[in-house]
Amino acid sequence: TVYLQMNSLKPEDTAVYYCAADQEPVFSTRVTRVLSDYDY
């Protein structure tokens, strides 16, 4: 499971929230903000 704790919420946070997954090599510490990098 992955979580998103959201505090001090604002009206502009209103949206549909999606989670996404992308497979990485064993020792990877990489993260990405690029939507097209995610496969699922």
PDB file of all heavy atoms in Angstrom:
ATOM      1  N   THR A   1       0.829  -1.205   0.000  1.00  0.00           N
ATOM      2  CA  THR A   1       0.000   0.000   0.000  1.00  0.00           C
ATOM      3  C   THR A   1       0.863   1.255   0.000  1.00  0.00           C
ATOM      4  O   THR A   1       1.893   1.305   0.690  1.00  0.00           O
ATOM      5  CB  THR A   1      -0.936   0.013   1.222  1.00  0.00           C
ATOM      6  OG1 THR A   1      -1.737  -1.175   1.215  1.00  0.00           O
ATOM      7  CG2 THR A   1      -1.849   1.222   1.191  1.00  0.00           C
ATOM      8  N   VAL A   2       0.425   2.239  -0.764  1.00  0.00           N
ATOM      9  CA  VAL A   2       1.035   3.568  -0.724  1.00  0.00           C
ATOM     10  C   VAL A   2      -0.026   4.545  -0.203  1.00  0.00           C
ATOM     11  O   VAL A   2      -1.216   4.374  -0.480  1.00  0.00           O
ATOM     12  CB  VAL A   2       1.583   3.983  -2.103  1.00  0.00           C
ATOM     13  CG1 VAL A   2       0.478   4.065  -3.145  1.00  0.00           C
ATOM     14  CG2 VAL A   2       2.347   5.295  -2.020  1.00  0.00           C
ATOM     15  N   TYR A   3       0.433   5.533   0.571  1.00  0.00           N
ATOM     16  CA  TYR A   3      -0.474   6.465   1.216  1.00  0.00           C
ATOM     17  C   TYR A   3      -0.158   7.895   0.789  1.00  0.00           C
ATOM     18  O   TYR A   3       0.958   8.221   0.398  1.00  0.00           O
ATOM     19  CB  TYR A   3      -0.329   6.376   2.736  1.00  0.00           C
ATOM     20  CG  TYR A   3      -0.533   4.991   3.288  1.00  0.00           C
ATOM     21  CD1 TYR A   3       0.552   4.155   3.529  1.00  0.00           C
ATOM     22  CD2 TYR A   3      -1.813   4.515   3.579  1.00  0.00           C
ATOM     23  CE1 TYR A   3       0.377   2.882   4.034  1.00  0.00           C
ATOM     24  CE2 TYR A   3      -1.995   3.238   4.092  1.00  0.00           C
ATOM     25  CZ  TYR A   3      -0.898   2.427   4.314  1.00  0.00           C
ATOM     26  OH  TYR A   3      -1.078   1.162   4.812  1.00  0.00           O
ATOM     27  N   LEU A   4      -1.186   8.727   0.910  1.00  0.00           N
ATOM     28  CA  LEU A   4      -0.990  10.162   0.739  1.00  0.00           C
ATOM     29  C   LEU A   4      -1.724  10.859   1.880  1.00  0.00           C
ATOM     30  O   LEU A   4      -2.956  10.889   1.901  1.00  0.00           O
ATOM     31  CB  LEU A   4      -1.521  10.651  -0.605  1.00  0.00           C
ATOM     32  CG  LEU A   4      -1.241  12.125  -0.914  1.00  0.00           C
ATOM     33  CD1 LEU A   4       0.260  12.351  -1.110  1.00  0.00           C
ATOM     34  CD2 LEU A   4      -2.012  12.599  -2.152  1.00  0.00           C
ATOM     35  N   GLN A   5      -0.959  11.353   2.843  1.00  0.00           N
ATOM     36  CA  GLN A   5      -1.515  12.106   3.951  1.00  0.00           C
ATOM     37  C   GLN A   5      -1.624  13.562   3.523  1.00  0.00           C
ATOM     38  O   GLN A   5      -0.618  14.175   3.146  1.00  0.00           O
ATOM     39  CB  GLN A   5      -0.638  11.987   5.193  1.00  0.00           C
ATOM     40  CG  GLN A   5      -1.101  12.818   6.374  1.00  0.00           C
ATOM     41  CD  GLN A   5      -2.436  12.355   6.934  1.00  0.00           C
ATOM     42  OE1 GLN A   5      -2.674  11.164   7.069  1.00  0.00           O
ATOM     43  NE2 GLN A   5      -3.306  13.304   7.254  1.00  0.00           N
ATOM     44  N   MET A   6      -2.832  14.096   3.589  1.00  0.00           N
ATOM     45  CA  MET A   6      -3.068  15.461   3.129  1.00  0.00           C
ATOM     46  C   MET A   6      -3.567  16.307   4.293  1.00  0.00           C
ATOM     47  O   MET A   6      -4.616  15.998   4.877  1.00  0.00           O
ATOM     48  CB  MET A   6      -4.103  15.453   1.999  1.00  0.00           C
ATOM     49  CG  MET A   6      -3.717  14.556   0.840  1.00  0.00           C
ATOM     50  SD  MET A   6      -4.844  14.687  -0.565  1.00  0.00           S
ATOM     51  CE  MET A   6      -6.329  14.000   0.165  1.00  0.00           C
ATOM     52  N   ASN A   7      -2.820  17.332   4.631  1.00  0.00           N
ATOM     53  CA  ASN A   7      -3.176  18.244   5.719  1.00  0.00           C
ATOM     54  C   ASN A   7      -3.404  19.651   5.174  1.00  0.00           C
ATOM     55  O   ASN A   7      -2.991  19.961   4.054  1.00  0.00           O
ATOM     56  CB  ASN A   7      -2.065  18.267   6.767  1.00  0.00           C
ATOM     57  CG  ASN A   7      -1.819  16.920   7.405  1.00  0.00           C
ATOM     58  OD1 ASN A   7      -2.743  16.128   7.574  1.00  0.00           O
ATOM     59  ND2 ASN A   7      -0.573  16.663   7.770  1.00  0.00           N
ATOM     60  N   SER A   8      -4.040  20.463   5.987  1.00  0.00           N
ATOM     61  CA  SER A   8      -4.307  21.872   5.619  1.00  0.00           C
ATOM     62  C   SER A   8      -4.903  21.956   4.218  1.00  0.00           C
ATOM     63  O   SER A   8      -4.454  22.734   3.379  1.00  0.00           O
ATOM     64  CB  SER A   8      -3.003  22.686   5.685  1.00  0.00           C
ATOM     65  OG  SER A   8      -2.439  22.621   6.971  1.00  0.00           O
ATOM     66  N   LEU A   9      -5.918  21.181   3.998  1.00  0.00           N
ATOM     67  CA  LEU A   9      -6.511  21.105   2.667  1.00  0.00           C
ATOM     68  C   LEU A   9      -7.156  22.420   2.266  1.00  0.00           C
ATOM     69  O   LEU A   9      -7.718  23.150   3.096  1.00  0.00           O
ATOM     70  CB  LEU A   9      -7.532  19.969   2.611  1.00  0.00           C
ATOM     71  CG  LEU A   9      -6.899  18.574   2.480  1.00  0.00           C
ATOM     72  CD1 LEU A   9      -7.879  17.497   2.896  1.00  0.00           C
ATOM     73  CD2 LEU A   9      -6.410  18.352   1.069  1.00  0.00           C
ATOM     74  N   LYS A  10      -7.083  22.697   0.968  1.00  0.00           N
ATOM     75  CA  LYS A  10      -7.623  23.916   0.384  1.00  0.00           C
ATOM     76  C   LYS A  10      -8.637  23.546  -0.695  1.00  0.00           C
ATOM     77  O   LYS A  10      -8.558  22.459  -1.278  1.00  0.00           O
ATOM     78  CB  LYS A  10      -6.497  24.732  -0.262  1.00  0.00           C
ATOM     79  CG  LYS A  10      -5.338  25.047   0.649  1.00  0.00           C
ATOM     80  CD  LYS A  10      -4.214  25.737  -0.110  1.00  0.00           C
ATOM     81  CE  LYS A  10      -3.033  26.033   0.780  1.00  0.00           C
ATOM     82  NZ  LYS A  10      -1.929  26.697   0.040  1.00  0.00           N
ATOM     83  N   PRO A  11      -9.559  24.440  -0.987  1.00  0.00           N
ATOM     84  CA  PRO A  11     -10.522  24.136  -2.061  1.00  0.00           C
ATOM     85  C   PRO A  11      -9.842  23.782  -3.382  1.00  0.00           C
ATOM     86  O   PRO A  11     -10.361  22.951  -4.145  1.00  0.00           O
ATOM     87  CB  PRO A  11     -11.329  25.434  -2.169  1.00  0.00           C
ATOM     88  CG  PRO A  11     -11.282  26.013  -0.790  1.00  0.00           C
ATOM     89  CD  PRO A  11      -9.892  25.682  -0.286  1.00  0.00           C
ATOM     90  N   GLU A  12      -8.700  24.375  -3.658  1.00  0.00           N
ATOM     91  CA  GLU A  12      -7.993  24.077  -4.904  1.00  0.00           C
ATOM     92  C   GLU A  12      -7.378  22.686  -4.928  1.00  0.00           C
ATOM     93  O   GLU A  12      -6.857  22.246  -5.964  1.00  0.00           O
ATOM     94  CB  GLU A  12      -6.918  25.124  -5.197  1.00  0.00           C
ATOM     95  CG  GLU A  12      -5.976  25.407  -4.064  1.00  0.00           C
ATOM     96  CD  GLU A  12      -6.382  26.633  -3.250  1.00  0.00           C
ATOM     97  OE1 GLU A  12      -7.596  26.785  -2.955  1.00  0.00           O
ATOM     98  OE2 GLU A  12      -5.472  27.418  -2.906  1.00  0.00           O
ATOM     99  N   ASP A  13      -7.433  21.956  -3.810  1.00  0.00           N
ATOM    100  CA  ASP A  13      -6.996  20.559  -3.799  1.00  0.00           C
ATOM    101  C   ASP A  13      -8.100  19.625  -4.291  1.00  0.00           C
ATOM    102  O   ASP A  13      -7.868  18.424  -4.445  1.00  0.00           O
ATOM    103  CB  ASP A  13      -6.580  20.144  -2.387  1.00  0.00           C
ATOM    104  CG  ASP A  13      -5.355  20.874  -1.892  1.00  0.00           C
ATOM    105  OD1 ASP A  13      -4.409  21.058  -2.689  1.00  0.00           O
ATOM    106  OD2 ASP A  13      -5.347  21.270  -0.705  1.00  0.00           O
ATOM    107  N   THR A  14      -9.278  20.156  -4.521  1.00  0.00           N
ATOM    108  CA  THR A  14     -10.383  19.348  -5.018  1.00  0.00           C
ATOM    109  C   THR A  14     -10.028  18.742  -6.369  1.00  0.00           C
ATOM    110  O   THR A  14      -9.646  19.450  -7.298  1.00  0.00           O
ATOM    111  CB  THR A  14     -11.657  20.200  -5.146  1.00  0.00           C
ATOM    112  OG1 THR A  14     -12.068  20.618  -3.846  1.00  0.00           O
ATOM    113  CG2 THR A  14     -12.778  19.407  -5.808  1.00  0.00           C
ATOM    114  N   ALA A  15     -10.141  17.416  -6.466  1.00  0.00           N
ATOM    115  CA  ALA A  15      -9.766  16.713  -7.693  1.00  0.00           C
ATOM    116  C   ALA A  15     -10.034  15.225  -7.510  1.00  0.00           C
ATOM    117  O   ALA A  15     -10.288  14.755  -6.403  1.00  0.00           O
ATOM    118  CB  ALA A  15      -8.285  16.928  -8.014  1.00  0.00           C
ATOM    119  N   VAL A  16      -9.915  14.504  -8.617  1.00  0.00           N
ATOM    120  CA  VAL A  16      -9.825  13.049  -8.544  1.00  0.00           C
ATOM    121  C   VAL A  16      -8.345  12.711  -8.401  1.00  0.00           C
ATOM    122  O   VAL A  16      -7.514  13.182  -9.187  1.00  0.00           O
ATOM    123  CB  VAL A  16     -10.409  12.375  -9.798  1.00  0.00           C
ATOM    124  CG1 VAL A  16     -10.224  10.864  -9.714  1.00  0.00           C
ATOM    125  CG2 VAL A  16     -11.882  12.737  -9.959  1.00  0.00           C
ATOM    126  N   TYR A  17      -8.030  11.924  -7.394  1.00  0.00           N
ATOM    127  CA  TYR A  17      -6.649  11.559  -7.109  1.00  0.00           C
ATOM    128  C   TYR A  17      -6.379  10.139  -7.597  1.00  0.00           C
ATOM    129  O   TYR A  17      -7.148   9.213  -7.301  1.00  0.00           O
ATOM    130  CB  TYR A  17      -6.365  11.669  -5.614  1.00  0.00           C
ATOM    131  CG  TYR A  17      -6.188  13.097  -5.169  1.00  0.00           C
ATOM    132  CD1 TYR A  17      -7.268  13.974  -5.109  1.00  0.00           C
ATOM    133  CD2 TYR A  17      -4.923  13.591  -4.837  1.00  0.00           C
ATOM    134  CE1 TYR A  17      -7.093  15.293  -4.732  1.00  0.00           C
ATOM    135  CE2 TYR A  17      -4.750  14.909  -4.450  1.00  0.00           C
ATOM    136  CZ  TYR A  17      -5.832  15.747  -4.403  1.00  0.00           C
ATOM    137  OH  TYR A  17      -5.654  17.068  -4.032  1.00  0.00           O
ATOM    138  N   TYR A  18      -5.277   9.997  -8.332  1.00  0.00           N
ATOM    139  CA  TYR A  18      -4.892   8.721  -8.911  1.00  0.00           C
ATOM    140  C   TYR A  18      -3.531   8.286  -8.377  1.00  0.00           C
ATOM    141  O   TYR A  18      -2.631   9.121  -8.239  1.00  0.00           O
ATOM    142  CB  TYR A  18      -4.770   8.844 -10.429  1.00  0.00           C
ATOM    143  CG  TYR A  18      -6.035   9.239 -11.147  1.00  0.00           C
ATOM    144  CD1 TYR A  18      -6.343  10.587 -11.356  1.00  0.00           C
ATOM    145  CD2 TYR A  18      -6.906   8.277 -11.628  1.00  0.00           C
ATOM    146  CE1 TYR A  18      -7.498  10.958 -12.023  1.00  0.00           C
ATOM    147  CE2 TYR A  18      -8.067   8.639 -12.302  1.00  0.00           C
ATOM    148  CZ  TYR A  18      -8.347   9.974 -12.496  1.00  0.00           C
ATOM    149  OH  TYR A  18      -9.495  10.336 -13.166  1.00  0.00           O
ATOM    150  N   CYS A  19      -3.392   6.995  -8.123  1.00  0.00           N
ATOM    151  CA  CYS A  19      -2.054   6.490  -7.864  1.00  0.00           C
ATOM    152  C   CYS A  19      -1.552   5.767  -9.112  1.00  0.00           C
ATOM    153  O   CYS A  19      -2.345   5.311  -9.946  1.00  0.00           O
ATOM    154  CB  CYS A  19      -2.007   5.590  -6.637  1.00  0.00           C
ATOM    155  SG  CYS A  19      -2.843   4.019  -6.788  1.00  0.00           S
ATOM    156  N   ALA A  20      -0.239   5.681  -9.218  1.00  0.00           N
ATOM    157  CA  ALA A  20       0.390   5.107 -10.396  1.00  0.00           C
ATOM    158  C   ALA A  20       1.647   4.355  -9.991  1.00  0.00           C
ATOM    159  O   ALA A  20       2.279   4.688  -8.977  1.00  0.00           O
ATOM    160  CB  ALA A  20       0.733   6.206 -11.391  1.00  0.00           C
ATOM    161  N   ALA A  21       2.010   3.358 -10.793  1.00  0.00           N
ATOM    162  CA  ALA A  21       3.165   2.508 -10.497  1.00  0.00           C
ATOM    163  C   ALA A  21       4.066   2.380 -11.709  1.00  0.00           C
ATOM    164  O   ALA A  21       3.597   2.322 -12.850  1.00  0.00           O
ATOM    165  CB  ALA A  21       2.693   1.133 -10.052  1.00  0.00           C
ATOM    166  N   ASP A  22       5.367   2.313 -11.432  1.00  0.00           N
ATOM    167  CA  ASP A  22       6.362   2.140 -12.479  1.00  0.00           C
ATOM    168  C   ASP A  22       7.468   1.238 -11.950  1.00  0.00           C
ATOM    169  O   ASP A  22       8.053   1.533 -10.896  1.00  0.00           O
ATOM    170  CB  ASP A  22       6.935   3.496 -12.895  1.00  0.00           C
ATOM    171  CG  ASP A  22       8.032   3.362 -13.917  1.00  0.00           C
ATOM    172  OD1 ASP A  22       7.829   2.640 -14.916  1.00  0.00           O
ATOM    173  OD2 ASP A  22       9.109   3.962 -13.727  1.00  0.00           O
ATOM    174  N   GLN A  23       7.779   0.174 -12.679  1.00  0.00           N
ATOM    175  CA  GLN A  23       8.783  -0.779 -12.216  1.00  0.00           C
ATOM    176  C   GLN A  23      10.187  -0.207 -12.341  1.00  0.00           C
ATOM    177  O   GLN A  23      10.522   0.436 -13.346  1.00  0.00           O
ATOM    178  CB  GLN A  23       8.680  -2.079 -13.010  1.00  0.00           C
ATOM    179  CG  GLN A  23       9.525  -3.205 -12.425  1.00  0.00           C
ATOM    180  CD  GLN A  23       9.161  -4.556 -13.000  1.00  0.00           C
ATOM    181  OE1 GLN A  23       8.280  -4.672 -13.848  1.00  0.00           O
ATOM    182  NE2 GLN A  23       9.812  -5.597 -12.514  1.00  0.00           N
ATOM    183  N   GLU A  24      10.999  -0.456 -11.311  1.00  0.00           N
ATOM    184  CA  GLU A  24      12.354   0.065 -11.256  1.00  0.00           C
ATOM    185  C   GLU A  24      13.341  -1.054 -10.895  1.00  0.00           C
ATOM    186  O   GLU A  24      12.952  -2.044 -10.262  1.00  0.00           O
ATOM    187  CB  GLU A  24      12.442   1.175 -10.216  1.00  0.00           C
ATOM    188  CG  GLU A  24      11.982   2.521 -10.715  1.00  0.00           C
ATOM    189  CD  GLU A  24      13.005   3.182 -11.618  1.00  0.00           C
ATOM    190  OE1 GLU A  24      13.977   3.749 -11.090  1.00  0.00           O
ATOM    191  OE2 GLU A  24      12.821   3.143 -12.850  1.00  0.00           O
ATOM    192  N   PRO A  25      14.620  -0.898 -11.238  1.00  0.00           N
ATOM    193  CA  PRO A  25      15.632  -1.893 -10.844  1.00  0.00           C
ATOM    194  C   PRO A  25      15.763  -1.996  -9.332  1.00  0.00           C
ATOM    195  O   PRO A  25      15.367  -1.091  -8.601  1.00  0.00           O
ATOM    196  CB  PRO A  25      16.916  -1.333 -11.466  1.00  0.00           C
ATOM    197  CG  PRO A  25      16.470  -0.444 -12.556  1.00  0.00           C
ATOM    198  CD  PRO A  25      15.165   0.148 -12.091  1.00  0.00           C
ATOM    199  N   VAL A  26      16.396  -3.065  -8.889  1.00  0.00           N
ATOM    200  CA  VAL A  26      16.417  -3.434  -7.477  1.00  0.00           C
ATOM    201  C   VAL A  26      16.925  -2.317  -6.566  1.00  0.00           C
ATOM    202  O   VAL A  26      16.307  -2.022  -5.545  1.00  0.00           O
ATOM    203  CB  VAL A  26      17.269  -4.701  -7.269  1.00  0.00           C
ATOM    204  CG1 VAL A  26      17.432  -4.982  -5.785  1.00  0.00           C
ATOM    205  CG2 VAL A  26      16.644  -5.883  -7.957  1.00  0.00           C
ATOM    206  N   PHE A  27      18.007  -1.685  -6.877  1.00  0.00           N
ATOM    207  CA  PHE A  27      18.618  -0.707  -5.974  1.00  0.00           C
ATOM    208  C   PHE A  27      18.282   0.743  -6.338  1.00  0.00           C
ATOM    209  O   PHE A  27      18.897   1.670  -5.830  1.00  0.00           O
ATOM    210  CB  PHE A  27      20.125  -0.899  -5.933  1.00  0.00           C
ATOM    211  CG  PHE A  27      20.532  -2.244  -5.429  1.00  0.00           C
ATOM    212  CD1 PHE A  27      21.080  -3.191  -6.275  1.00  0.00           C
ATOM    213  CD2 PHE A  27      20.348  -2.574  -4.099  1.00  0.00           C
ATOM    214  CE1 PHE A  27      21.452  -4.439  -5.803  1.00  0.00           C
ATOM    215  CE2 PHE A  27      20.709  -3.816  -3.612  1.00  0.00           C
ATOM    216  CZ  PHE A  27      21.260  -4.752  -4.470  1.00  0.00           C
ATOM    217  N   SER A  28      17.290   0.917  -7.151  1.00  0.00           N
ATOM    218  CA  SER A  28      16.936   2.269  -7.594  1.00  0.00           C
ATOM    219  C   SER A  28      16.327   3.091  -6.467  1.00  0.00           C
ATOM    220  O   SER A  28      15.503   2.596  -5.695  1.00  0.00           O
ATOM    221  CB  SER A  28      15.944   2.207  -8.756  1.00  0.00           C
ATOM    222  OG  SER A  28      15.450   3.491  -9.058  1.00  0.00           O
ATOM    223  N   THR A  29      16.727   4.352  -6.400  1.00  0.00           N
ATOM    224  CA  THR A  29      16.114   5.315  -5.483  1.00  0.00           C
ATOM    225  C   THR A  29      15.440   6.435  -6.271  1.00  0.00           C
ATOM    226  O   THR A  29      15.087   7.470  -5.721  1.00  0.00           O
ATOM    227  CB  THR A  29      17.176   5.921  -4.552  1.00  0.00           C
ATOM    228  OG1 THR A  29      18.147   6.614  -5.338  1.00  0.00           O
ATOM    229  CG2 THR A  29      17.858   4.859  -3.718  1.00  0.00           C
ATOM    230  N   ARG A  30      15.229   6.206  -7.530  1.00  0.00           N
ATOM    231  CA  ARG A  30      14.694   7.251  -8.399  1.00  0.00           C
ATOM    232  C   ARG A  30      13.218   7.480  -8.170  1.00  0.00           C
ATOM    233  O   ARG A  30      12.462   6.563  -7.838  1.00  0.00           O
ATOM    234  CB  ARG A  30      14.936   6.898  -9.863  1.00  0.00           C
ATOM    235  CG  ARG A  30      16.396   6.816 -10.245  1.00  0.00           C
ATOM    236  CD  ARG A  30      16.606   6.683 -11.727  1.00  0.00           C
ATOM    237  NE  ARG A  30      15.887   5.539 -12.287  1.00  0.00           N
ATOM    238  CZ  ARG A  30      15.930   5.210 -13.570  1.00  0.00           C
ATOM    239  NH1 ARG A  30      16.622   5.965 -14.410  1.00  0.00           N
ATOM    240  NH2 ARG A  30      15.273   4.157 -14.014  1.00  0.00           N
ATOM    241  N   VAL A  31      12.808   8.717  -8.352  1.00  0.00           N
ATOM    242  CA  VAL A  31      11.413   9.099  -8.358  1.00  0.00           C
ATOM    243  C   VAL A  31      11.182   9.933  -9.625  1.00  0.00           C
ATOM    244  O   VAL A  31      12.128  10.436 -10.226  1.00  0.00           O
ATOM    245  CB  VAL A  31      11.018   9.928  -7.120  1.00  0.00           C
ATOM    246  CG1 VAL A  31      11.051   9.079  -5.863  1.00  0.00           C
ATOM    247  CG2 VAL A  31      11.951  11.134  -6.962  1.00  0.00           C
ATOM    248  N   THR A  32       9.937  10.063 -10.022  1.00  0.00           N
ATOM    249  CA  THR A  32       9.642  10.832 -11.220  1.00  0.00           C
ATOM    250  C   THR A  32       8.297  11.530 -11.096  1.00  0.00           C
ATOM    251  O   THR A  32       7.366  10.979 -10.496  1.00  0.00           O
ATOM    252  CB  THR A  32       9.657   9.946 -12.483  1.00  0.00           C
ATOM    253  OG1 THR A  32       9.330  10.759 -13.627  1.00  0.00           O
ATOM    254  CG2 THR A  32       8.635   8.816 -12.392  1.00  0.00           C
ATOM    255  N   ARG A  33       8.214  12.730 -11.668  1.00  0.00           N
ATOM    256  CA  ARG A  33       6.975  13.478 -11.729  1.00  0.00           C
ATOM    257  C   ARG A  33       6.329  13.368 -13.108  1.00  0.00           C
ATOM    258  O   ARG A  33       5.282  13.971 -13.355  1.00  0.00           O
ATOM    259  CB  ARG A  33       7.220  14.948 -11.404  1.00  0.00           C
ATOM    260  CG  ARG A  33       8.096  15.660 -12.414  1.00  0.00           C
ATOM    261  CD  ARG A  33       8.168  17.163 -12.153  1.00  0.00           C
ATOM    262  NE  ARG A  33       8.876  17.468 -10.925  1.00  0.00           N
ATOM    263  CZ  ARG A  33       8.351  18.129  -9.898  1.00  0.00           C
ATOM    264  NH1 ARG A  33       7.110  18.540  -9.960  1.00  0.00           N
ATOM    265  NH2 ARG A  33       9.061  18.401  -8.824  1.00  0.00           N
ATOM    266  N   VAL A  34       6.957  12.619 -13.999  1.00  0.00           N
ATOM    267  CA  VAL A  34       6.501  12.556 -15.390  1.00  0.00           C
ATOM    268  C   VAL A  34       5.404  11.513 -15.528  1.00  0.00           C
ATOM    269  O   VAL A  34       5.615  10.318 -15.278  1.00  0.00           O
ATOM    270  CB  VAL A  34       7.678  12.230 -16.329  1.00  0.00           C
ATOM    271  CG1 VAL A  34       7.176  12.116 -17.762  1.00  0.00           C
ATOM    272  CG2 VAL A  34       8.754  13.296 -16.201  1.00  0.00           C
ATOM    273  N   LEU A  35       4.241  11.947 -15.944  1.00  0.00           N
ATOM    274  CA  LEU A  35       3.073  11.090 -16.044  1.00  0.00           C
ATOM    275  C   LEU A  35       3.329   9.880 -16.954  1.00  0.00           C
ATOM    276  O   LEU A  35       2.951   8.757 -16.613  1.00  0.00           O
ATOM    277  CB  LEU A  35       1.903  11.927 -16.562  1.00  0.00           C
ATOM    278  CG  LEU A  35       0.512  11.352 -16.571  1.00  0.00           C
ATOM    279  CD1 LEU A  35      -0.504  12.474 -16.348  1.00  0.00           C
ATOM    280  CD2 LEU A  35       0.209  10.654 -17.881  1.00  0.00           C
ATOM    281  N   SER A  36       3.997  10.097 -18.063  1.00  0.00           N
ATOM    282  CA  SER A  36       4.202   9.020 -19.031  1.00  0.00           C
ATOM    283  C   SER A  36       5.218   7.976 -18.566  1.00  0.00           C
ATOM    284  O   SER A  36       5.349   6.922 -19.193  1.00  0.00           O
ATOM    285  CB  SER A  36       4.644   9.598 -20.375  1.00  0.00           C
ATOM    286  OG  SER A  36       5.844  10.319 -20.226  1.00  0.00           O
ATOM    287  N   ASP A  37       5.928   8.248 -17.474  1.00  0.00           N
ATOM    288  CA  ASP A  37       6.858   7.246 -16.935  1.00  0.00           C
ATOM    289  C   ASP A  37       6.127   6.109 -16.236  1.00  0.00           C
ATOM    290  O   ASP A  37       6.705   5.046 -16.030  1.00  0.00           O
ATOM    291  CB  ASP A  37       7.825   7.899 -15.941  1.00  0.00           C
ATOM    292  CG  ASP A  37       8.908   8.708 -16.635  1.00  0.00           C
ATOM    293  OD1 ASP A  37       9.115   8.515 -17.847  1.00  0.00           O
ATOM    294  OD2 ASP A  37       9.550   9.543 -15.952  1.00  0.00           O
ATOM    295  N   TYR A  38       4.894   6.310 -15.875  1.00  0.00           N
ATOM    296  CA  TYR A  38       4.152   5.321 -15.098  1.00  0.00           C
ATOM    297  C   TYR A  38       3.364   4.393 -16.025  1.00  0.00           C
ATOM    298  O   TYR A  38       2.677   4.841 -16.942  1.00  0.00           O
ATOM    299  CB  TYR A  38       3.214   6.019 -14.117  1.00  0.00           C
ATOM    300  CG  TYR A  38       3.956   6.735 -13.024  1.00  0.00           C
ATOM    301  CD1 TYR A  38       4.356   8.065 -13.183  1.00  0.00           C
ATOM    302  CD2 TYR A  38       4.285   6.096 -11.838  1.00  0.00           C
ATOM    303  CE1 TYR A  38       5.054   8.728 -12.190  1.00  0.00           C
ATOM    304  CE2 TYR A  38       4.971   6.758 -10.833  1.00  0.00           C
ATOM    305  CZ  TYR A  38       5.362   8.066 -11.016  1.00  0.00           C
ATOM    306  OH  TYR A  38       6.057   8.713 -10.031  1.00  0.00           O
ATOM    307  N   ASP A  39       3.443   3.115 -15.734  1.00  0.00           N
ATOM    308  CA  ASP A  39       2.817   2.110 -16.594  1.00  0.00           C
ATOM    309  C   ASP A  39       1.438   1.677 -16.121  1.00  0.00           C
ATOM    310  O   ASP A  39       0.641   1.181 -16.920  1.00  0.00           O
ATOM    311  CB  ASP A  39       3.715   0.871 -16.670  1.00  0.00           C
ATOM    312  CG  ASP A  39       5.036   1.157 -17.367  1.00  0.00           C
ATOM    313  OD1 ASP A  39       5.025   1.920 -18.342  1.00  0.00           O
ATOM    314  OD2 ASP A  39       6.058   0.617 -16.926  1.00  0.00           O
ATOM    315  N   TYR A  40       1.172   1.805 -14.838  1.00  0.00           N
ATOM    316  CA  TYR A  40      -0.077   1.305 -14.275  1.00  0.00           C
ATOM    317  C   TYR A  40      -0.769   2.412 -13.483  1.00  0.00           C
ATOM    318  O   TYR A  40      -0.104   3.165 -12.752  1.00  0.00           O
ATOM    319  CB  TYR A  40       0.177   0.100 -13.368  1.00  0.00           C
ATOM    320  CG  TYR A  40       0.889  -1.026 -14.080  1.00  0.00           C
ATOM    321  CD1 TYR A  40       2.259  -1.194 -13.941  1.00  0.00           C
ATOM    322  CD2 TYR A  40       0.186  -1.899 -14.889  1.00  0.00           C
ATOM    323  CE1 TYR A  40       2.910  -2.211 -14.601  1.00  0.00           C
ATOM    324  CE2 TYR A  40       0.831  -2.938 -15.554  1.00  0.00           C
ATOM    325  CZ  TYR A  40       2.196  -3.083 -15.405  1.00  0.00           C
ATOM    326  OH  TYR A  40       2.841  -4.096 -16.070  1.00  0.00           O
TER     327      TYR A  40
END
